[in-house]
Amino acid sequence: MGKTRYCYREVLPFTAMVTVECTNVGLSTLFKAATLRGLSYRVFIVYTFAIATVALLPFALLSRWKTQLPPFSVSVLWKLCLLAILGFSAQMLGFKGIEYSSPTLSSAISNLTPAFTFALAILFRMEKLVLRSASSQAKILGTIVSISGALVVVLYKGPAVIRTGSPSISLDQLLSSSDSNWALGGLLLTADYLILSIWYIVQAKIVEEYPAKPLIVCLYSLCVTIISAPVCLLTESDSSVWKLRADITLIAILYSGVIGSSFGTVVHTWGLHLKGPVYVALFRPLSIGIAAIMGVIFLGDTLYLGSVIGAIVISVGFYVVMWGKAKEEIGEDIGVSSLESPSTQNAPLLRGYVS
């Protein structure tokens, strides 16, 4: 029983979060390939969330039918609308920020997400901070170390450790923008990741109030579709860009809708309920290391010393935070408790869905 509980609360969330980051890196490659074929990011956003809504609908209806749920209140609906506005705004700001600056800057600024989320979680009392406790000190130190490691990967290249036989186009080169406005892009990207941190907090509050993950994520995707469609139609008036072709653009949209928005959002929602917003946000810097590893394996990119050092530093920071959270959860710090992780009686709520 103890081993099963450990796997469910520790091993499964870790594996799921790493898997989501891997799928996000793959999505970035597919998205850029599709944009090179003329796909607009506005069209991409609308179609992605529309497909996600359809994909999640059977699971939402099943969870509503199998689980005894409380009445759907106006408070939950209002929070869902707010969540949809936040999600859509973050997507628009992120794409526009990369267009004005570069993905290198985007990668660097994305590492502020754990810090933003940690500060917001403390502000909304979802994370208890007691500076004298070892667990709180570990979480602060580990977050800083993890962000520092991600910045090392982005800002320090170093000599080649593994050099491939043939040159290839790296993910950064694929996503680079010729029309650069660095300062404005940096502001847009900072706003993007600040909104993403707020999104984590609001989503955690919603699931705490209405614990039906597939239904919540399905309604969220529907709300984003309803909000984004008129906005994107007005800003993307060329009707030809809305016609999908049976090529990489269709593959990218289907992958984003089914894997990115559906699977990724459900996993994040489950993780927010089980472990809290800080835990979910902490995996954000891992995407840089994952991108570097996947680039070597699948794209034939050269592995540089900076990537190796950064990956090690990220791992150290992550384990320090996990140690602090484990110490806090088992109650070794007297008088310190975390409000971000629900009690064990809430754990089985999604057990039937994820198994």
Protein backbone atom coordinates (compact mmCIF):
# COMPACT_ATOMS: atom_id res chain seq x y z
CA MET A 1 0.00 0.00 0.00
CA GLY A 2 2.82 2.39 0.94
CA LYS A 3 4.69 1.59 -2.28
CA THR A 4 1.58 2.19 -4.39
CA ARG A 5 0.95 5.52 -2.68
CA TYR A 6 4.59 6.56 -3.26
CA CYS A 7 4.37 5.68 -6.96
CA TYR A 8 1.12 7.61 -7.36
CA ARG A 9 2.22 10.72 -5.47
CA GLU A 10 5.89 10.88 -6.47
CA VAL A 11 6.93 8.68 -9.41
CA LEU A 12 3.84 9.16 -11.59
CA PRO A 13 3.72 13.00 -11.34
CA PHE A 14 7.45 13.25 -12.07
CA THR A 15 7.20 10.97 -15.11
CA ALA A 16 4.09 12.74 -16.39
CA MET A 17 5.61 16.24 -16.10
CA VAL A 18 8.82 15.23 -17.88
CA THR A 19 6.74 13.58 -20.62
CA VAL A 20 4.74 16.79 -21.11
CA GLU A 21 7.94 18.84 -21.46
CA CYS A 22 9.21 16.35 -24.07
CA THR A 23 5.97 16.64 -26.06
CA ASN A 24 6.18 20.45 -25.86
CA VAL A 25 9.67 20.41 -27.37
CA GLY A 26 8.39 18.21 -30.21
CA LEU A 27 5.47 20.59 -30.70
CA SER A 28 7.83 23.55 -31.13
CA THR A 29 9.59 21.78 -34.00
CA LEU A 30 6.31 20.86 -35.71
CA PHE A 31 4.90 24.36 -35.23
CA LYS A 32 7.92 26.03 -36.86
CA ALA A 33 7.82 23.61 -39.77
CA ALA A 34 4.13 24.46 -40.24
CA THR A 35 4.73 28.23 -40.09
CA LEU A 36 7.35 27.85 -42.82
CA ARG A 37 4.49 26.47 -44.94
CA GLY A 38 2.43 29.59 -44.24
CA LEU A 39 0.47 28.64 -41.11
CA SER A 40 -0.54 31.69 -39.04
CA TYR A 41 -0.16 31.41 -35.27
CA ARG A 42 -3.65 32.90 -34.87
CA VAL A 43 -5.13 30.11 -36.99
CA PHE A 44 -2.99 27.63 -35.07
CA ILE A 45 -4.39 28.77 -31.70
CA VAL A 46 -8.06 28.61 -32.76
CA TYR A 47 -7.83 25.20 -34.42
CA THR A 48 -5.72 23.76 -31.61
CA PHE A 49 -8.22 24.54 -28.87
CA ALA A 50 -11.19 23.54 -31.04
CA ILE A 51 -9.64 20.10 -31.62
CA ALA A 52 -8.74 19.84 -27.92
CA THR A 53 -12.37 20.49 -26.99
CA VAL A 54 -13.59 17.68 -29.28
CA ALA A 55 -10.86 15.30 -28.09
CA LEU A 56 -11.63 15.88 -24.42
CA LEU A 57 -15.43 15.80 -24.71
CA PRO A 58 -15.82 11.97 -24.28
CA PHE A 59 -13.58 11.98 -21.17
CA ALA A 60 -15.46 14.98 -19.76
CA LEU A 61 -18.85 13.29 -20.21
CA LEU A 62 -17.50 10.04 -18.75
CA SER A 63 -16.10 11.76 -15.66
CA ARG A 64 -19.38 13.65 -15.19
CA TRP A 65 -21.36 10.41 -15.44
CA LYS A 66 -19.12 8.22 -13.23
CA THR A 67 -18.34 10.76 -10.49
CA GLN A 68 -20.68 12.41 -8.03
CA LEU A 69 -19.83 16.08 -8.51
CA PRO A 70 -21.07 19.22 -6.76
CA PRO A 71 -23.33 21.66 -8.65
CA PHE A 72 -21.55 23.77 -11.25
CA SER A 73 -21.50 27.20 -9.60
CA VAL A 74 -21.23 30.68 -11.07
CA SER A 75 -17.92 31.05 -9.23
CA VAL A 76 -16.39 28.13 -11.13
CA LEU A 77 -17.73 29.45 -14.45
CA TRP A 78 -16.28 32.90 -13.77
CA LYS A 79 -12.89 31.41 -12.91
CA LEU A 80 -13.00 29.29 -16.08
CA CYS A 81 -13.62 32.39 -18.20
CA LEU A 82 -10.72 34.13 -16.45
CA LEU A 83 -8.52 31.08 -17.04
CA ALA A 84 -9.42 31.07 -20.75
CA ILE A 85 -8.59 34.77 -21.09
CA LEU A 86 -5.26 34.19 -19.35
CA GLY A 87 -4.43 31.17 -21.50
CA PHE A 88 -5.29 32.89 -24.77
CA SER A 89 -3.43 36.07 -23.78
CA ALA A 90 -0.31 34.09 -22.84
CA GLN A 91 -0.36 32.29 -26.21
CA MET A 92 -0.71 35.53 -28.19
CA LEU A 93 1.96 37.35 -26.19
CA GLY A 94 4.36 34.41 -26.43
CA PHE A 95 4.11 34.05 -30.21
CA LYS A 96 4.36 37.80 -30.76
CA GLY A 97 7.29 38.09 -28.34
CA ILE A 98 9.28 35.46 -30.26
CA GLU A 99 8.42 37.26 -33.50
CA TYR A 100 9.86 40.53 -32.16
CA SER A 101 12.93 39.04 -30.45
CA SER A 102 14.18 35.46 -30.57
CA PRO A 103 13.54 32.03 -29.01
CA THR A 104 16.82 32.35 -27.13
CA LEU A 105 15.38 35.28 -25.20
CA SER A 106 12.11 33.37 -24.81
CA SER A 107 13.95 30.38 -23.35
CA ALA A 108 15.85 32.59 -20.93
CA ILE A 109 12.75 34.46 -19.73
CA SER A 110 10.72 31.24 -19.41
CA ASN A 111 12.97 30.31 -16.51
CA LEU A 112 11.33 33.07 -14.50
CA THR A 113 8.15 30.96 -14.39
CA PRO A 114 9.11 28.99 -11.25
CA ALA A 115 10.08 32.20 -9.45
CA PHE A 116 6.87 33.97 -10.52
CA THR A 117 4.77 30.97 -9.48
CA PHE A 118 6.57 30.54 -6.16
CA ALA A 119 5.99 34.21 -5.28
CA LEU A 120 2.33 34.07 -6.33
CA ALA A 121 1.76 30.81 -4.43
CA ILE A 122 3.07 32.48 -1.28
CA LEU A 123 0.93 35.56 -1.94
CA PHE A 124 -2.22 33.44 -2.35
CA ARG A 125 -1.25 31.27 0.65
CA MET A 126 -0.94 28.12 -1.42
CA GLU A 127 2.66 27.75 -0.29
CA LYS A 128 3.74 28.28 3.32
CA LEU A 129 7.06 30.05 3.68
CA VAL A 130 8.91 29.93 6.98
CA LEU A 131 12.45 31.19 6.44
CA ARG A 132 13.80 29.40 9.51
CA SER A 133 12.58 25.99 8.35
CA ALA A 134 14.87 23.70 6.36
CA SER A 135 12.12 22.82 3.90
CA SER A 136 11.40 26.44 2.93
CA GLN A 137 15.10 27.20 2.61
CA ALA A 138 15.54 24.15 0.38
CA LYS A 139 12.66 25.17 -1.89
CA ILE A 140 13.98 28.73 -2.27
CA LEU A 141 17.56 27.59 -2.88
CA GLY A 142 16.53 24.80 -5.26
CA THR A 143 14.34 27.13 -7.32
CA ILE A 144 17.19 29.64 -7.68
CA VAL A 145 19.68 26.90 -8.60
CA SER A 146 17.31 25.37 -11.16
CA ILE A 147 16.71 28.74 -12.85
CA SER A 148 20.45 29.43 -12.84
CA GLY A 149 21.14 26.11 -14.54
CA ALA A 150 18.63 26.87 -17.26
CA LEU A 151 20.25 30.26 -17.83
CA VAL A 152 23.64 28.55 -18.17
CA VAL A 153 22.23 26.38 -20.97
CA VAL A 154 20.93 29.45 -22.81
CA LEU A 155 23.74 31.93 -22.21
CA TYR A 156 26.89 29.75 -22.14
CA LYS A 157 27.77 27.60 -25.14
CA GLY A 158 31.27 26.34 -24.38
CA PRO A 159 33.31 23.80 -26.36
CA ALA A 160 31.68 20.87 -28.16
CA VAL A 161 31.35 17.67 -26.11
CA ILE A 162 29.64 15.52 -28.76
CA ARG A 163 30.05 16.64 -32.36
CA THR A 164 27.88 14.99 -34.99
CA GLY A 165 29.17 14.05 -38.40
CA SER A 166 26.81 16.22 -40.42
CA PRO A 167 25.59 19.76 -39.76
CA SER A 168 21.96 20.27 -38.91
CA ILE A 169 19.55 23.08 -38.23
CA SER A 170 19.04 23.59 -34.51
CA LEU A 171 15.70 24.40 -32.93
CA ASP A 172 16.95 27.89 -32.14
CA GLN A 173 17.86 28.50 -35.77
CA LEU A 174 14.47 27.19 -36.89
CA LEU A 175 12.64 29.59 -34.62
CA SER A 176 14.81 32.66 -35.19
CA SER A 177 13.12 35.83 -36.39
CA SER A 178 14.49 38.16 -39.02
CA ASP A 179 12.43 41.12 -37.85
CA SER A 180 13.76 41.75 -34.37
CA ASN A 181 12.72 44.26 -31.74
CA TRP A 182 14.53 42.93 -28.71
CA ALA A 183 13.21 45.25 -26.00
CA LEU A 184 9.54 44.96 -26.97
CA GLY A 185 9.90 41.21 -27.45
CA GLY A 186 11.41 40.87 -23.99
CA LEU A 187 8.52 42.78 -22.41
CA LEU A 188 5.94 40.65 -24.23
CA LEU A 189 7.67 37.41 -23.21
CA THR A 190 7.96 38.52 -19.59
CA ALA A 191 4.24 39.27 -19.59
CA ASP A 192 3.60 35.88 -21.19
CA TYR A 193 5.35 33.90 -18.46
CA LEU A 194 3.92 36.07 -15.69
CA ILE A 195 0.43 35.31 -17.04
CA LEU A 196 1.35 31.61 -17.25
CA SER A 197 2.24 31.67 -13.55
CA ILE A 198 -1.11 33.30 -12.75
CA TRP A 199 -2.75 30.61 -14.93
CA TYR A 200 -1.23 27.91 -12.70
CA ILE A 201 -2.60 29.60 -9.58
CA VAL A 202 -6.12 30.10 -10.99
CA GLN A 203 -6.24 26.54 -12.35
CA ALA A 204 -5.24 25.15 -8.96
CA LYS A 205 -8.02 27.17 -7.31
CA ILE A 206 -10.60 25.89 -9.81
CA VAL A 207 -9.70 22.22 -9.34
CA GLU A 208 -9.73 22.70 -5.58
CA GLU A 209 -13.31 24.00 -5.86
CA TYR A 210 -14.53 21.62 -8.59
CA PRO A 211 -12.41 18.43 -8.75
CA ALA A 212 -13.40 17.13 -12.20
CA LYS A 213 -10.19 17.43 -14.20
CA PRO A 214 -11.30 16.24 -17.69
CA LEU A 215 -14.50 18.29 -17.52
CA ILE A 216 -12.66 21.41 -16.34
CA VAL A 217 -10.01 21.12 -19.07
CA CYS A 218 -12.67 20.47 -21.75
CA LEU A 219 -14.66 23.55 -20.69
CA TYR A 220 -11.43 25.57 -20.56
CA SER A 221 -10.59 24.58 -24.16
CA LEU A 222 -14.13 25.45 -25.23
CA CYS A 223 -13.90 28.88 -23.58
CA VAL A 224 -10.55 29.60 -25.25
CA THR A 225 -12.02 28.59 -28.61
CA ILE A 226 -15.01 30.89 -28.13
CA ILE A 227 -12.80 33.80 -27.03
CA SER A 228 -10.02 33.34 -29.59
CA ALA A 229 -12.15 32.70 -32.70
CA PRO A 230 -13.62 36.23 -33.14
CA VAL A 231 -10.37 37.93 -32.11
CA CYS A 232 -8.24 35.89 -34.52
CA LEU A 233 -10.80 36.17 -37.33
CA LEU A 234 -10.71 39.96 -37.05
CA THR A 235 -6.91 40.14 -36.92
CA GLU A 236 -6.40 37.47 -39.61
CA SER A 237 -8.83 38.56 -42.30
CA ASP A 238 -7.21 36.64 -45.17
CA SER A 239 -9.58 33.70 -45.64
CA SER A 240 -6.98 31.61 -47.47
CA VAL A 241 -4.88 31.11 -44.32
CA TRP A 242 -7.81 29.38 -42.61
CA LYS A 243 -7.89 26.58 -45.20
CA LEU A 244 -6.01 23.54 -43.90
CA ARG A 245 -3.88 21.44 -46.22
CA ALA A 246 -3.08 17.77 -45.75
CA ASP A 247 0.58 18.37 -44.97
CA ILE A 248 2.75 19.31 -41.98
CA THR A 249 0.32 22.10 -41.01
CA LEU A 250 -2.50 19.61 -40.37
CA ILE A 251 -0.12 17.30 -38.47
CA ALA A 252 1.05 20.19 -36.28
CA ILE A 253 -2.50 21.29 -35.45
CA LEU A 254 -3.68 17.74 -34.67
CA TYR A 255 -0.59 17.09 -32.54
CA SER A 256 -1.05 20.37 -30.68
CA GLY A 257 -4.76 19.80 -30.09
CA VAL A 258 -4.60 16.17 -29.00
CA ILE A 259 -1.17 15.96 -27.36
CA GLY A 260 -0.27 19.54 -26.47
CA SER A 261 -3.52 21.13 -25.31
CA SER A 262 -5.47 18.01 -24.30
CA PHE A 263 -2.89 15.70 -22.76
CA GLY A 264 -0.60 18.48 -21.55
CA THR A 265 -3.34 20.54 -19.89
CA VAL A 266 -4.93 17.49 -18.23
CA VAL A 267 -1.54 16.43 -16.81
CA HIS A 268 -0.83 19.96 -15.58
CA THR A 269 -4.30 20.19 -14.02
CA TRP A 270 -3.85 16.86 -12.26
CA GLY A 271 -0.37 17.88 -11.11
CA LEU A 272 -1.66 21.20 -9.79
CA HIS A 273 -4.27 19.38 -7.70
CA LEU A 274 -1.93 16.65 -6.49
CA LYS A 275 1.33 18.57 -5.93
CA GLY A 276 0.58 22.29 -6.29
CA PRO A 277 1.55 25.08 -8.73
CA VAL A 278 5.19 25.38 -7.63
CA TYR A 279 5.85 21.70 -8.44
CA VAL A 280 4.36 22.04 -11.94
CA ALA A 281 6.18 25.31 -12.72
CA LEU A 282 9.50 23.86 -11.59
CA PHE A 283 9.61 21.56 -14.62
CA ARG A 284 9.64 24.51 -17.01
CA PRO A 285 13.46 24.92 -17.03
CA LEU A 286 13.83 21.21 -17.86
CA SER A 287 12.53 21.90 -21.37
CA ILE A 288 15.82 23.55 -22.32
CA GLY A 289 17.85 20.49 -21.33
CA ILE A 290 15.32 18.21 -23.01
CA ALA A 291 15.53 20.28 -26.21
CA ALA A 292 19.32 19.99 -26.19
CA ILE A 293 19.21 16.19 -25.69
CA MET A 294 16.50 15.68 -28.32
CA GLY A 295 18.44 17.90 -30.71
CA VAL A 296 21.49 15.64 -30.42
CA ILE A 297 19.47 12.41 -30.79
CA PHE A 298 16.92 13.38 -33.45
CA LEU A 299 18.34 16.45 -35.23
CA GLY A 300 22.04 15.63 -35.09
CA ASP A 301 22.90 18.83 -33.21
CA THR A 302 26.25 19.24 -31.49
CA LEU A 303 26.20 18.90 -27.69
CA TYR A 304 28.11 21.70 -25.99
CA LEU A 305 29.65 21.89 -22.53
CA GLY A 306 27.22 24.63 -21.46
CA SER A 307 24.27 22.30 -22.04
CA VAL A 308 25.89 19.55 -19.95
CA ILE A 309 26.78 21.90 -17.06
CA GLY A 310 23.35 23.52 -17.17
CA ALA A 311 21.56 20.15 -17.14
CA ILE A 312 23.55 19.06 -14.09
CA VAL A 313 22.80 22.32 -12.25
CA ILE A 314 19.08 22.04 -13.11
CA SER A 315 19.04 18.47 -11.77
CA VAL A 316 20.71 19.52 -8.52
CA GLY A 317 18.25 22.38 -8.04
CA PHE A 318 15.30 20.14 -8.79
CA TYR A 319 16.39 17.50 -6.26
CA VAL A 320 16.94 20.17 -3.61
CA VAL A 321 13.37 21.43 -4.07
CA MET A 322 11.99 17.88 -4.06
CA TRP A 323 13.87 17.20 -0.81
CA GLY A 324 12.37 20.32 0.74
CA LYS A 325 8.85 19.40 -0.36
CA ALA A 326 9.24 15.80 0.86
CA LYS A 327 10.52 17.04 4.22
CA GLU A 328 7.58 19.42 4.47
CA GLU A 329 4.98 16.78 3.51
CA ILE A 330 6.12 14.25 6.09
CA GLY A 331 5.97 16.97 8.75
CA GLU A 332 9.57 16.92 9.96
CA ASP A 333 9.49 20.71 10.34
CA ILE A 334 7.47 21.51 13.45
CA GLY A 335 4.73 24.03 12.80
CA VAL A 336 5.29 24.07 9.04
CA SER A 337 2.59 22.84 6.69
CA SER A 338 1.98 23.27 2.99
CA LEU A 339 -1.39 24.30 1.65
CA GLU A 340 -0.47 23.46 -1.90
CA SER A 341 -0.81 19.67 -1.66
CA PRO A 342 -4.19 18.19 -0.83
CA SER A 343 -4.65 15.49 1.71
CA THR A 344 -4.34 11.88 0.70
CA GLN A 345 -8.07 11.36 0.65
CA ASN A 346 -8.25 13.56 -2.46
CA ALA A 347 -5.68 11.49 -4.35
CA PRO A 348 -8.03 8.88 -5.86
CA LEU A 349 -10.14 11.54 -7.64
CA LEU A 350 -8.23 11.07 -10.89
CA ARG A 351 -6.98 7.55 -10.28
CA GLY A 352 -9.53 6.02 -12.64
CA TYR A 353 -8.72 8.53 -15.39
CA VAL A 354 -4.93 8.26 -15.41
CA SER A 355 -4.70 4.52 -15.07
